[in-house]
C-alpha atoms as a PDB file:
ATOM      1  CA  VAL A   1     104.515 110.711  86.923  1.00  0.00           C
ATOM      2  CA  ALA A   2     105.175 113.319  84.233  1.00  0.00           C
ATOM      3  CA  LYS A   3     101.542 113.120  83.112  1.00  0.00           C
ATOM      4  CA  ASP A   4     100.229 113.356  86.699  1.00  0.00           C
ATOM      5  CA  LEU A   5     102.394 116.446  87.321  1.00  0.00           C
ATOM      6  CA  GLY A   6     101.351 118.030  84.026  1.00  0.00           C
ATOM      7  CA  LEU A   7     104.946 117.988  82.744  1.00  0.00           C
ATOM      8  CA  GLN A   8     106.550 116.812  79.549  1.00  0.00           C
ATOM      9  CA  LEU A   9     108.980 113.908  79.891  1.00  0.00           C
ATOM     10  CA  LEU A  10     111.978 116.128  79.127  1.00  0.00           C
ATOM     11  CA  GLU A  11     110.946 118.473  81.957  1.00  0.00           C
ATOM     12  CA  LEU A  12     111.383 115.653  84.497  1.00  0.00           C
ATOM     13  CA  LYS A  13     115.021 115.356  83.429  1.00  0.00           C
ATOM     14  CA  ASP A  14     115.581 119.115  83.259  1.00  0.00           C
ATOM     15  CA  ARG A  15     114.084 119.619  86.715  1.00  0.00           C
ATOM     16  CA  ASP A  16     116.086 116.726  88.188  1.00  0.00           C
ATOM     17  CA  ALA A  17     113.059 114.850  89.565  1.00  0.00           C
ATOM     18  CA  HIS A  18     113.787 112.317  92.339  1.00  0.00           C
ATOM     19  CA  VAL A  19     111.813 109.919  94.510  1.00  0.00           C
ATOM     20  CA  PHE A  20     112.436 109.936  98.266  1.00  0.00           C
ATOM     21  CA  ASP A  21     111.177 107.057 100.377  1.00  0.00           C
ATOM     22  CA  THR A  22     110.353 107.982 103.965  1.00  0.00           C
ATOM     23  CA  GLY A  23     111.849 104.803 105.431  1.00  0.00           C
ATOM     24  CA  ARG A  24     115.346 103.346 105.448  1.00  0.00           C
ATOM     25  CA  THR A  25     114.769 101.032 102.508  1.00  0.00           C
ATOM     26  CA  ARG A  26     114.400 102.446  99.033  1.00  0.00           C
ATOM     27  CA  TYR A  27     111.371 100.833  97.365  1.00  0.00           C
ATOM     28  CA  PHE A  28     110.647 103.139  94.420  1.00  0.00           C
ATOM     29  CA  PHE A  29     112.519 104.711  91.545  1.00  0.00           C
ATOM     30  CA  LEU A  30     111.513 107.237  88.924  1.00  0.00           C
ATOM     31  CA  ASP A  31     112.605 106.248  85.426  1.00  0.00           C
ATOM     32  CA  LEU A  32     113.440 109.531  83.707  1.00  0.00           C
ATOM     33  CA  GLN A  33     113.532 107.790  80.311  1.00  0.00           C
ATOM     34  CA  ASN A  34     109.800 107.040  80.334  1.00  0.00           C
ATOM     35  CA  GLY A  35     108.412 108.934  83.368  1.00  0.00           C
ATOM     36  CA  HIS A  36     107.183 105.790  85.138  1.00  0.00           C
ATOM     37  CA  LEU A  37     107.301 105.233  88.883  1.00  0.00           C
ATOM     38  CA  SER A  38     108.436 101.654  89.512  1.00  0.00           C
ATOM     39  CA  MET A  39     109.412  99.333  92.340  1.00  0.00           C
ATOM     40  CA  MET A  40     113.097  98.661  92.939  1.00  0.00           C
ATOM     41  CA  GLU A  41     112.287  94.996  93.618  1.00  0.00           C
ATOM     42  CA  GLN A  42     109.392  92.804  94.665  1.00  0.00           C
ATOM     43  CA  VAL A  43     108.062  93.835  98.083  1.00  0.00           C
ATOM     44  CA  ASP A  44     107.421  91.286 100.847  1.00  0.00           C
ATOM     45  CA  ARG A  45     104.347  92.628 102.661  1.00  0.00           C
ATOM     46  CA  GLU A  46     104.861  90.353 105.686  1.00  0.00           C
ATOM     47  CA  GLU A  47     108.377  91.691 106.135  1.00  0.00           C
ATOM     48  CA  ILE A  48     107.399  95.358 105.836  1.00  0.00           C
ATOM     49  CA  CYS A  49     104.165  95.596 107.784  1.00  0.00           C
ATOM     50  CA  SER A  50     103.065  92.269 109.171  1.00  0.00           C
ATOM     51  CA  ALA A  51     101.594  93.839 112.330  1.00  0.00           C
ATOM     52  CA  VAL A  52      99.024  96.017 110.541  1.00  0.00           C
ATOM     53  CA  ALA A  53      96.052  95.213 108.302  1.00  0.00           C
ATOM     54  CA  LYS A  54      96.652  98.083 105.879  1.00  0.00           C
ATOM     55  CA  CYS A  55     100.153  98.308 104.408  1.00  0.00           C
ATOM     56  CA  VAL A  56     101.202 101.782 103.229  1.00  0.00           C
ATOM     57  CA  LEU A  57     104.565 102.809 101.773  1.00  0.00           C
ATOM     58  CA  ASN A  58     105.066 106.564 101.823  1.00  0.00           C
ATOM     59  CA  PHE A  59     107.268 108.437  99.390  1.00  0.00           C
ATOM     60  CA  GLU A  60     107.720 111.919  97.990  1.00  0.00           C
ATOM     61  CA  ILE A  61     108.715 113.167  94.551  1.00  0.00           C
ATOM     62  CA  LEU A  62     110.932 116.221  94.499  1.00  0.00           C
ATOM     63  CA  VAL A  63     111.007 118.320  91.347  1.00  0.00           C
ATOM     64  CA  LYS A  64     113.570 121.113  91.392  1.00  0.00           C
ATOM     65  CA  ARG A  65     112.906 124.561  89.972  1.00  0.00           C
ATOM     66  CA  PRO A  66     109.362 125.580  90.974  1.00  0.00           C
ATOM     67  CA  MET A  67     106.463 125.086  88.631  1.00  0.00           C
END
C-alpha cells in the first residue's frame, strides 16, 4: 500500500493509515510494520455473495494529513 500511494513505510504510521470496509464485517487490515494489505481471515465466497457471479469486496484506505 505504501508503494502504491507513493509513501515511505514510516509515513503510513505517521499519517495513521487505516482500512475501512464498507460492510459490517471487517475483511482487510493494513499492516503498518510492512505496508501490506492483508485479509483478516479466509473468506467464504458462498457466504458473502452467493447470489452474484462477480464477488466484490469494497474498502477504503484513509491516510490522515493530506498529501
